[in-house]
Full PDB file with SEQRES, HELIX, SHEET, SSBOND, CRYST1, ORIGX, SCALE, CONECT and MASTER records, all heavy atoms in Angstrom:
SEQRES   1 A   31  ALA LEU LEU ARG HIS HIS MET GLU ALA LYS PHE ALA SER          
SEQRES   2 A   31  MET GLN ALA SER THR ASP ALA GLN PHE ALA GLY MET ARG          
SEQRES   3 A   31  GLN TYR ILE ASP ASP                                          
HELIX    1 AA1 LEU A    2  ASP A   30  1                                  29    
CRYST1    1.000    1.000    1.000  90.00  90.00  90.00 P 1           1          
ORIGX1      1.000000  0.000000  0.000000        0.00000                         
ORIGX2      0.000000  1.000000  0.000000        0.00000                         
ORIGX3      0.000000  0.000000  1.000000        0.00000                         
SCALE1      1.000000  0.000000  0.000000        0.00000                         
SCALE2      0.000000  1.000000  0.000000        0.00000                         
SCALE3      0.000000  0.000000  1.000000        0.00000                         
ATOM      1  N   ALA A   1     -33.424  72.671-108.030  1.00  0.00           N  
ATOM      2  CA  ALA A   1     -32.747  73.915-108.375  1.00  0.00           C  
ATOM      3  C   ALA A   1     -31.971  74.450-107.179  1.00  0.00           C  
ATOM      4  O   ALA A   1     -30.818  74.900-107.317  1.00  0.00           O  
ATOM      5  CB  ALA A   1     -33.760  74.942-108.864  1.00  0.00           C  
ATOM      6  N   LEU A   2     -32.599  74.397-105.988  1.00  0.00           N  
ATOM      7  CA  LEU A   2     -31.895  74.847-104.780  1.00  0.00           C  
ATOM      8  C   LEU A   2     -30.689  73.967-104.488  1.00  0.00           C  
ATOM      9  O   LEU A   2     -29.601  74.451-104.123  1.00  0.00           O  
ATOM     10  CB  LEU A   2     -32.849  74.852-103.579  1.00  0.00           C  
ATOM     11  CG  LEU A   2     -33.896  75.960-103.561  1.00  0.00           C  
ATOM     12  CD1 LEU A   2     -34.888  75.724-102.417  1.00  0.00           C  
ATOM     13  CD2 LEU A   2     -33.221  77.311-103.408  1.00  0.00           C  
ATOM     14  N   LEU A   3     -30.839  72.659-104.658  1.00  0.00           N  
ATOM     15  CA  LEU A   3     -29.737  71.727-104.428  1.00  0.00           C  
ATOM     16  C   LEU A   3     -28.605  71.971-105.423  1.00  0.00           C  
ATOM     17  O   LEU A   3     -27.430  71.989-105.049  1.00  0.00           O  
ATOM     18  CB  LEU A   3     -30.244  70.284-104.537  1.00  0.00           C  
ATOM     19  CG  LEU A   3     -29.209  69.188-104.300  1.00  0.00           C  
ATOM     20  CD1 LEU A   3     -28.636  69.301-102.892  1.00  0.00           C  
ATOM     21  CD2 LEU A   3     -29.832  67.821-104.518  1.00  0.00           C  
ATOM     22  N   ARG A   4     -28.956  72.173-106.705  1.00  0.00           N  
ATOM     23  CA  ARG A   4     -27.957  72.456-107.722  1.00  0.00           C  
ATOM     24  C   ARG A   4     -27.201  73.741-107.390  1.00  0.00           C  
ATOM     25  O   ARG A   4     -25.969  73.797-107.488  1.00  0.00           O  
ATOM     26  CB  ARG A   4     -28.613  72.572-109.101  1.00  0.00           C  
ATOM     27  CG  ARG A   4     -27.586  72.727-110.213  1.00  0.00           C  
ATOM     28  CD  ARG A   4     -28.179  72.811-111.617  1.00  0.00           C  
ATOM     29  NE  ARG A   4     -29.352  71.991-111.833  1.00  0.00           N  
ATOM     30  CZ  ARG A   4     -30.567  72.487-112.105  1.00  0.00           C  
ATOM     31  NH1 ARG A   4     -30.752  73.789-112.177  1.00  0.00           N  
ATOM     32  NH2 ARG A   4     -31.587  71.685-112.305  1.00  0.00           N  
ATOM     33  N   HIS A   5     -27.931  74.773-106.991  1.00  0.00           N  
ATOM     34  CA  HIS A   5     -27.315  76.049-106.622  1.00  0.00           C  
ATOM     35  C   HIS A   5     -26.375  75.855-105.425  1.00  0.00           C  
ATOM     36  O   HIS A   5     -25.255  76.374-105.407  1.00  0.00           O  
ATOM     37  CB  HIS A   5     -28.399  77.092-106.302  1.00  0.00           C  
ATOM     38  CG  HIS A   5     -27.854  78.410-105.869  1.00  0.00           C  
ATOM     39  ND1 HIS A   5     -27.207  79.256-106.725  1.00  0.00           N  
ATOM     40  CD2 HIS A   5     -27.841  79.013-104.646  1.00  0.00           C  
ATOM     41  CE1 HIS A   5     -26.808  80.322-106.063  1.00  0.00           C  
ATOM     42  NE2 HIS A   5     -27.187  80.197-104.796  1.00  0.00           N  
ATOM     43  N   HIS A   6     -26.828  75.111-104.430  1.00  0.00           N  
ATOM     44  CA  HIS A   6     -26.021  74.847-103.243  1.00  0.00           C  
ATOM     45  C   HIS A   6     -24.749  74.067-103.618  1.00  0.00           C  
ATOM     46  O   HIS A   6     -23.649  74.390-103.142  1.00  0.00           O  
ATOM     47  CB  HIS A   6     -26.852  74.059-102.219  1.00  0.00           C  
ATOM     48  CG  HIS A   6     -26.084  73.684-100.990  1.00  0.00           C  
ATOM     49  ND1 HIS A   6     -25.719  74.605-100.040  1.00  0.00           N  
ATOM     50  CD2 HIS A   6     -25.622  72.480-100.561  1.00  0.00           C  
ATOM     51  CE1 HIS A   6     -25.052  73.984 -99.074  1.00  0.00           C  
ATOM     52  NE2 HIS A   6     -24.987  72.695 -99.372  1.00  0.00           N  
ATOM     53  N   MET A   7     -24.883  73.053-104.463  1.00  0.00           N  
ATOM     54  CA  MET A   7     -23.735  72.235-104.866  1.00  0.00           C  
ATOM     55  C   MET A   7     -22.736  73.060-105.688  1.00  0.00           C  
ATOM     56  O   MET A   7     -21.530  72.926-105.518  1.00  0.00           O  
ATOM     57  CB  MET A   7     -24.212  71.014-105.672  1.00  0.00           C  
ATOM     58  CG  MET A   7     -25.024  70.032-104.855  1.00  0.00           C  
ATOM     59  SD  MET A   7     -24.129  69.370-103.438  1.00  0.00           S  
ATOM     60  CE  MET A   7     -22.963  68.328-104.247  1.00  0.00           C  
ATOM     61  N   GLU A   8     -23.242  73.927-106.579  1.00  0.00           N  
ATOM     62  CA  GLU A   8     -22.354  74.782-107.359  1.00  0.00           C  
ATOM     63  C   GLU A   8     -21.583  75.749-106.469  1.00  0.00           C  
ATOM     64  O   GLU A   8     -20.393  75.989-106.666  1.00  0.00           O  
ATOM     65  CB  GLU A   8     -23.148  75.542-108.420  1.00  0.00           C  
ATOM     66  CG  GLU A   8     -23.623  74.656-109.560  1.00  0.00           C  
ATOM     67  CD  GLU A   8     -24.567  75.385-110.511  1.00  0.00           C  
ATOM     68  OE1 GLU A   8     -24.958  76.539-110.237  1.00  0.00           O  
ATOM     69  OE2 GLU A   8     -24.929  74.765-111.540  1.00  0.00           O  
ATOM     70  N   ALA A   9     -22.280  76.293-105.464  1.00  0.00           N  
ATOM     71  CA  ALA A   9     -21.611  77.197-104.526  1.00  0.00           C  
ATOM     72  C   ALA A   9     -20.541  76.454-103.732  1.00  0.00           C  
ATOM     73  O   ALA A   9     -19.434  76.958-103.527  1.00  0.00           O  
ATOM     74  CB  ALA A   9     -22.626  77.840-103.587  1.00  0.00           C  
ATOM     75  N   LYS A  10     -20.862  75.240-103.269  1.00  0.00           N  
ATOM     76  CA  LYS A  10     -19.884  74.424-102.529  1.00  0.00           C  
ATOM     77  C   LYS A  10     -18.697  74.076-103.410  1.00  0.00           C  
ATOM     78  O   LYS A  10     -17.553  74.115-102.981  1.00  0.00           O  
ATOM     79  CB  LYS A  10     -20.536  73.136-102.003  1.00  0.00           C  
ATOM     80  CG  LYS A  10     -21.342  73.314-100.761  1.00  0.00           C  
ATOM     81  CD  LYS A  10     -20.416  73.630 -99.615  1.00  0.00           C  
ATOM     82  CE  LYS A  10     -21.198  73.597 -98.321  1.00  0.00           C  
ATOM     83  NZ  LYS A  10     -20.376  73.992 -97.198  1.00  0.00           N  
ATOM     84  N   PHE A  11     -18.992  73.717-104.672  1.00  0.00           N  
ATOM     85  CA  PHE A  11     -17.914  73.369-105.593  1.00  0.00           C  
ATOM     86  C   PHE A  11     -17.000  74.565-105.834  1.00  0.00           C  
ATOM     87  O   PHE A  11     -15.780  74.430-105.842  1.00  0.00           O  
ATOM     88  CB  PHE A  11     -18.487  72.863-106.921  1.00  0.00           C  
ATOM     89  CG  PHE A  11     -17.433  72.510-107.921  1.00  0.00           C  
ATOM     90  CD1 PHE A  11     -16.685  71.355-107.777  1.00  0.00           C  
ATOM     91  CD2 PHE A  11     -17.178  73.341-109.007  1.00  0.00           C  
ATOM     92  CE1 PHE A  11     -15.710  71.042-108.695  1.00  0.00           C  
ATOM     93  CE2 PHE A  11     -16.209  73.032-109.920  1.00  0.00           C  
ATOM     94  CZ  PHE A  11     -15.466  71.873-109.771  1.00  0.00           C  
ATOM     95  N   ALA A  12     -17.578  75.737-106.030  1.00  0.00           N  
ATOM     96  CA  ALA A  12     -16.780  76.943-106.232  1.00  0.00           C  
ATOM     97  C   ALA A  12     -15.930  77.231-105.003  1.00  0.00           C  
ATOM     98  O   ALA A  12     -14.755  77.600-105.114  1.00  0.00           O  
ATOM     99  CB  ALA A  12     -17.680  78.128-106.559  1.00  0.00           C  
ATOM    100  N   SER A  13     -16.509  77.059-103.822  1.00  0.00           N  
ATOM    101  CA  SER A  13     -15.767  77.280-102.576  1.00  0.00           C  
ATOM    102  C   SER A  13     -14.621  76.280-102.441  1.00  0.00           C  
ATOM    103  O   SER A  13     -13.499  76.650-102.080  1.00  0.00           O  
ATOM    104  CB  SER A  13     -16.717  77.160-101.388  1.00  0.00           C  
ATOM    105  OG  SER A  13     -16.002  77.196-100.178  1.00  0.00           O  
ATOM    106  N   MET A  14     -14.902  75.010-102.752  1.00  0.00           N  
ATOM    107  CA  MET A  14     -13.855  73.986-102.673  1.00  0.00           C  
ATOM    108  C   MET A  14     -12.754  74.244-103.689  1.00  0.00           C  
ATOM    109  O   MET A  14     -11.570  74.073-103.406  1.00  0.00           O  
ATOM    110  CB  MET A  14     -14.454  72.594-102.892  1.00  0.00           C  
ATOM    111  CG  MET A  14     -15.273  72.091-101.723  1.00  0.00           C  
ATOM    112  SD  MET A  14     -16.177  70.547-102.047  1.00  0.00           S  
ATOM    113  CE  MET A  14     -15.010  69.537-102.869  1.00  0.00           C  
ATOM    114  N   GLN A  15     -13.148  74.686-104.881  1.00  0.00           N  
ATOM    115  CA  GLN A  15     -12.158  74.965-105.914  1.00  0.00           C  
ATOM    116  C   GLN A  15     -11.272  76.139-105.511  1.00  0.00           C  
ATOM    117  O   GLN A  15     -10.053  76.097-105.678  1.00  0.00           O  
ATOM    118  CB  GLN A  15     -12.858  75.257-107.239  1.00  0.00           C  
ATOM    119  CG  GLN A  15     -11.896  75.368-108.409  1.00  0.00           C  
ATOM    120  CD  GLN A  15     -12.628  75.477-109.731  1.00  0.00           C  
ATOM    121  OE1 GLN A  15     -13.845  75.621-109.770  1.00  0.00           O  
ATOM    122  NE2 GLN A  15     -11.895  75.390-110.814  1.00  0.00           N  
ATOM    123  N   ALA A  16     -11.860  77.178-104.939  1.00  0.00           N  
ATOM    124  CA  ALA A  16     -11.067  78.322-104.477  1.00  0.00           C  
ATOM    125  C   ALA A  16     -10.121  77.905-103.354  1.00  0.00           C  
ATOM    126  O   ALA A  16      -8.955  78.303-103.325  1.00  0.00           O  
ATOM    127  CB  ALA A  16     -11.987  79.442-104.006  1.00  0.00           C  
ATOM    128  N   SER A  17     -10.609  77.083-102.441  1.00  0.00           N  
ATOM    129  CA  SER A  17      -9.773  76.595-101.343  1.00  0.00           C  
ATOM    130  C   SER A  17      -8.630  75.738-101.868  1.00  0.00           C  
ATOM    131  O   SER A  17      -7.479  75.879-101.443  1.00  0.00           O  
ATOM    132  CB  SER A  17     -10.628  75.796-100.371  1.00  0.00           C  
ATOM    133  OG  SER A  17      -9.828  75.215 -99.370  1.00  0.00           O  
ATOM    134  N   THR A  18      -8.943  74.861-102.815  1.00  0.00           N  
ATOM    135  CA  THR A  18      -7.907  74.012-103.403  1.00  0.00           C  
ATOM    136  C   THR A  18      -6.876  74.847-104.149  1.00  0.00           C  
ATOM    137  O   THR A  18      -5.674  74.598-104.047  1.00  0.00           O  
ATOM    138  CB  THR A  18      -8.548  72.984-104.356  1.00  0.00           C  
ATOM    139  OG1 THR A  18      -9.515  72.237-103.629  1.00  0.00           O  
ATOM    140  CG2 THR A  18      -7.528  72.052-104.945  1.00  0.00           C  
ATOM    141  N   ASP A  19      -7.335  75.840-104.891  1.00  0.00           N  
ATOM    142  CA  ASP A  19      -6.413  76.721-105.612  1.00  0.00           C  
ATOM    143  C   ASP A  19      -5.501  77.461-104.647  1.00  0.00           C  
ATOM    144  O   ASP A  19      -4.297  77.595-104.897  1.00  0.00           O  
ATOM    145  CB  ASP A  19      -7.179  77.718-106.481  1.00  0.00           C  
ATOM    146  CG  ASP A  19      -7.857  77.059-107.669  1.00  0.00           C  
ATOM    147  OD1 ASP A  19      -7.531  75.893-107.976  1.00  0.00           O  
ATOM    148  OD2 ASP A  19      -8.737  77.710-108.274  1.00  0.00           O  
ATOM    149  N   ALA A  20      -6.049  77.932-103.548  1.00  0.00           N  
ATOM    150  CA  ALA A  20      -5.233  78.642-102.551  1.00  0.00           C  
ATOM    151  C   ALA A  20      -4.217  77.703-101.911  1.00  0.00           C  
ATOM    152  O   ALA A  20      -3.052  78.073-101.727  1.00  0.00           O  
ATOM    153  CB  ALA A  20      -6.139  79.254-101.479  1.00  0.00           C  
ATOM    154  N   GLN A  21      -4.646  76.479-101.584  1.00  0.00           N  
ATOM    155  CA  GLN A  21      -3.718  75.508-101.002  1.00  0.00           C  
ATOM    156  C   GLN A  21      -2.627  75.142-101.999  1.00  0.00           C  
ATOM    157  O   GLN A  21      -1.455  75.028-101.631  1.00  0.00           O  
ATOM    158  CB  GLN A  21      -4.465  74.254-100.568  1.00  0.00           C  
ATOM    159  CG  GLN A  21      -5.301  74.437 -99.330  1.00  0.00           C  
ATOM    160  CD  GLN A  21      -6.077  73.175 -98.980  1.00  0.00           C  
ATOM    161  OE1 GLN A  21      -6.184  72.257 -99.792  1.00  0.00           O  
ATOM    162  NE2 GLN A  21      -6.607  73.132 -97.775  1.00  0.00           N  
ATOM    163  N   PHE A  22      -3.006  74.965-103.259  1.00  0.00           N  
ATOM    164  CA  PHE A  22      -2.019  74.628-104.284  1.00  0.00           C  
ATOM    165  C   PHE A  22      -1.019  75.765-104.451  1.00  0.00           C  
ATOM    166  O   PHE A  22       0.179  75.520-104.567  1.00  0.00           O  
ATOM    167  CB  PHE A  22      -2.719  74.341-105.617  1.00  0.00           C  
ATOM    168  CG  PHE A  22      -1.766  73.983-106.718  1.00  0.00           C  
ATOM    169  CD1 PHE A  22      -1.189  72.729-106.763  1.00  0.00           C  
ATOM    170  CD2 PHE A  22      -1.446  74.912-107.698  1.00  0.00           C  
ATOM    171  CE1 PHE A  22      -0.303  72.406-107.776  1.00  0.00           C  
ATOM    172  CE2 PHE A  22      -0.558  74.597-108.697  1.00  0.00           C  
ATOM    173  CZ  PHE A  22       0.011  73.336-108.751  1.00  0.00           C  
ATOM    174  N   ALA A  23      -1.498  76.995-104.454  1.00  0.00           N  
ATOM    175  CA  ALA A  23      -0.591  78.145-104.582  1.00  0.00           C  
ATOM    176  C   ALA A  23       0.366  78.195-103.390  1.00  0.00           C  
ATOM    177  O   ALA A  23       1.557  78.470-103.557  1.00  0.00           O  
ATOM    178  CB  ALA A  23      -1.398  79.437-104.688  1.00  0.00           C  
ATOM    179  N   GLY A  24      -0.158  77.929-102.193  1.00  0.00           N  
ATOM    180  CA  GLY A  24       0.695  77.918-101.004  1.00  0.00           C  
ATOM    181  C   GLY A  24       1.742  76.817-101.072  1.00  0.00           C  
ATOM    182  O   GLY A  24       2.915  77.037-100.735  1.00  0.00           O  
ATOM    183  N   MET A  25       1.325  75.628-101.507  1.00  0.00           N  
ATOM    184  CA  MET A  25       2.274  74.522-101.625  1.00  0.00           C  
ATOM    185  C   MET A  25       3.311  74.811-102.704  1.00  0.00           C  
ATOM    186  O   MET A  25       4.498  74.511-102.537  1.00  0.00           O  
ATOM    187  CB  MET A  25       1.531  73.225-101.936  1.00  0.00           C  
ATOM    188  CG  MET A  25       0.736  72.704-100.764  1.00  0.00           C  
ATOM    189  SD  MET A  25      -0.312  71.230-101.029  1.00  0.00           S  
ATOM    190  CE  MET A  25       0.183  70.521-102.519  1.00  0.00           C  
ATOM    191  N   ARG A  26       2.882  75.419-103.791  1.00  0.00           N  
ATOM    192  CA  ARG A  26       3.806  75.758-104.877  1.00  0.00           C  
ATOM    193  C   ARG A  26       4.834  76.763-104.388  1.00  0.00           C  
ATOM    194  O   ARG A  26       6.027  76.640-104.686  1.00  0.00           O  
ATOM    195  CB  ARG A  26       3.015  76.320-106.061  1.00  0.00           C  
ATOM    196  CG  ARG A  26       3.849  76.611-107.258  1.00  0.00           C  
ATOM    197  CD  ARG A  26       4.337  75.330-107.854  1.00  0.00           C  
ATOM    198  NE  ARG A  26       4.962  75.594-109.128  1.00  0.00           N  
ATOM    199  CZ  ARG A  26       5.852  74.798-109.636  1.00  0.00           C  
ATOM    200  NH1 ARG A  26       6.196  73.704-109.018  1.00  0.00           N  
ATOM    201  NH2 ARG A  26       6.390  75.063-110.783  1.00  0.00           N  
ATOM    202  N   GLN A  27       4.399  77.752-103.629  1.00  0.00           N  
ATOM    203  CA  GLN A  27       5.322  78.746-103.088  1.00  0.00           C  
ATOM    204  C   GLN A  27       6.298  78.089-102.110  1.00  0.00           C  
ATOM    205  O   GLN A  27       7.484  78.397-102.106  1.00  0.00           O  
ATOM    206  CB  GLN A  27       4.551  79.878-102.388  1.00  0.00           C  
ATOM    207  CG  GLN A  27       5.428  81.013-101.920  1.00  0.00           C  
ATOM    208  CD  GLN A  27       6.137  81.701-103.068  1.00  0.00           C  
ATOM    209  OE1 GLN A  27       5.558  81.953-104.124  1.00  0.00           O  
ATOM    210  NE2 GLN A  27       7.412  81.991-102.884  1.00  0.00           N  
ATOM    211  N   TYR A  28       5.792  77.169-101.287  1.00  0.00           N  
ATOM    212  CA  TYR A  28       6.640  76.448-100.324  1.00  0.00           C  
ATOM    213  C   TYR A  28       7.717  75.652-101.059  1.00  0.00           C  
ATOM    214  O   TYR A  28       8.890  75.655-100.676  1.00  0.00           O  
ATOM    215  CB  TYR A  28       5.771  75.526 -99.473  1.00  0.00           C  
ATOM    216  CG  TYR A  28       6.531  74.682 -98.486  1.00  0.00           C  
ATOM    217  CD1 TYR A  28       7.012  75.232 -97.304  1.00  0.00           C  
ATOM    218  CD2 TYR A  28       6.759  73.338 -98.734  1.00  0.00           C  
ATOM    219  CE1 TYR A  28       7.708  74.459 -96.393  1.00  0.00           C  
ATOM    220  CE2 TYR A  28       7.456  72.555 -97.831  1.00  0.00           C  
ATOM    221  CZ  TYR A  28       7.929  73.117 -96.668  1.00  0.00           C  
ATOM    222  OH  TYR A  28       8.628  72.346 -95.781  1.00  0.00           O  
ATOM    223  N   ILE A  29       7.307  74.964-102.141  1.00  0.00           N  
ATOM    224  CA  ILE A  29       8.267  74.174-102.926  1.00  0.00           C  
ATOM    225  C   ILE A  29       9.278  75.098-103.605  1.00  0.00           C  
ATOM    226  O   ILE A  29      10.483  74.821-103.593  1.00  0.00           O  
ATOM    227  CB  ILE A  29       7.531  73.299-103.952  1.00  0.00           C  
ATOM    228  CG1 ILE A  29       6.776  72.192-103.224  1.00  0.00           C  
ATOM    229  CG2 ILE A  29       8.483  72.718-104.985  1.00  0.00           C  
ATOM    230  CD1 ILE A  29       5.837  71.404-104.100  1.00  0.00           C  
ATOM    231  N   ASP A  30       8.807  76.203-104.178  1.00  0.00           N  
ATOM    232  CA  ASP A  30       9.725  77.136-104.822  1.00  0.00           C  
ATOM    233  C   ASP A  30      10.727  77.697-103.821  1.00  0.00           C  
ATOM    234  O   ASP A  30      11.916  77.803-104.117  1.00  0.00           O  
ATOM    235  CB  ASP A  30       8.947  78.274-105.491  1.00  0.00           C  
ATOM    236  CG  ASP A  30       8.202  77.819-106.746  1.00  0.00           C  
ATOM    237  OD1 ASP A  30       8.499  76.711-107.241  1.00  0.00           O  
ATOM    238  OD2 ASP A  30       7.318  78.558-107.209  1.00  0.00           O  
ATOM    239  N   ASP A  31      10.243  78.077-102.629  1.00  0.00           N  
ATOM    240  CA  ASP A  31      11.149  78.587-101.588  1.00  0.00           C  
ATOM    241  C   ASP A  31      12.158  77.524-101.184  1.00  0.00           C  
ATOM    242  O   ASP A  31      13.342  77.815-100.985  1.00  0.00           O  
ATOM    243  CB  ASP A  31      10.349  79.048-100.365  1.00  0.00           C  
ATOM    244  CG  ASP A  31       9.517  80.294-100.636  1.00  0.00           C  
ATOM    245  OD1 ASP A  31       9.745  80.946-101.678  1.00  0.00           O  
ATOM    246  OD2 ASP A  31       8.628  80.597 -99.817  1.00  0.00           O  
TER     247      ASP A  31                                                      
MASTER        0    0    0    1    0    0    0    6  246    1    0    3          
END                                                                             
């Protein structure tokens, strides 16, 4: 349960980071 919780938190963090990077790259391409 602790491992699952830790992995879900890491996944959420990675997803947020990826979304932010994608948004930055999208803005760079649009500019």
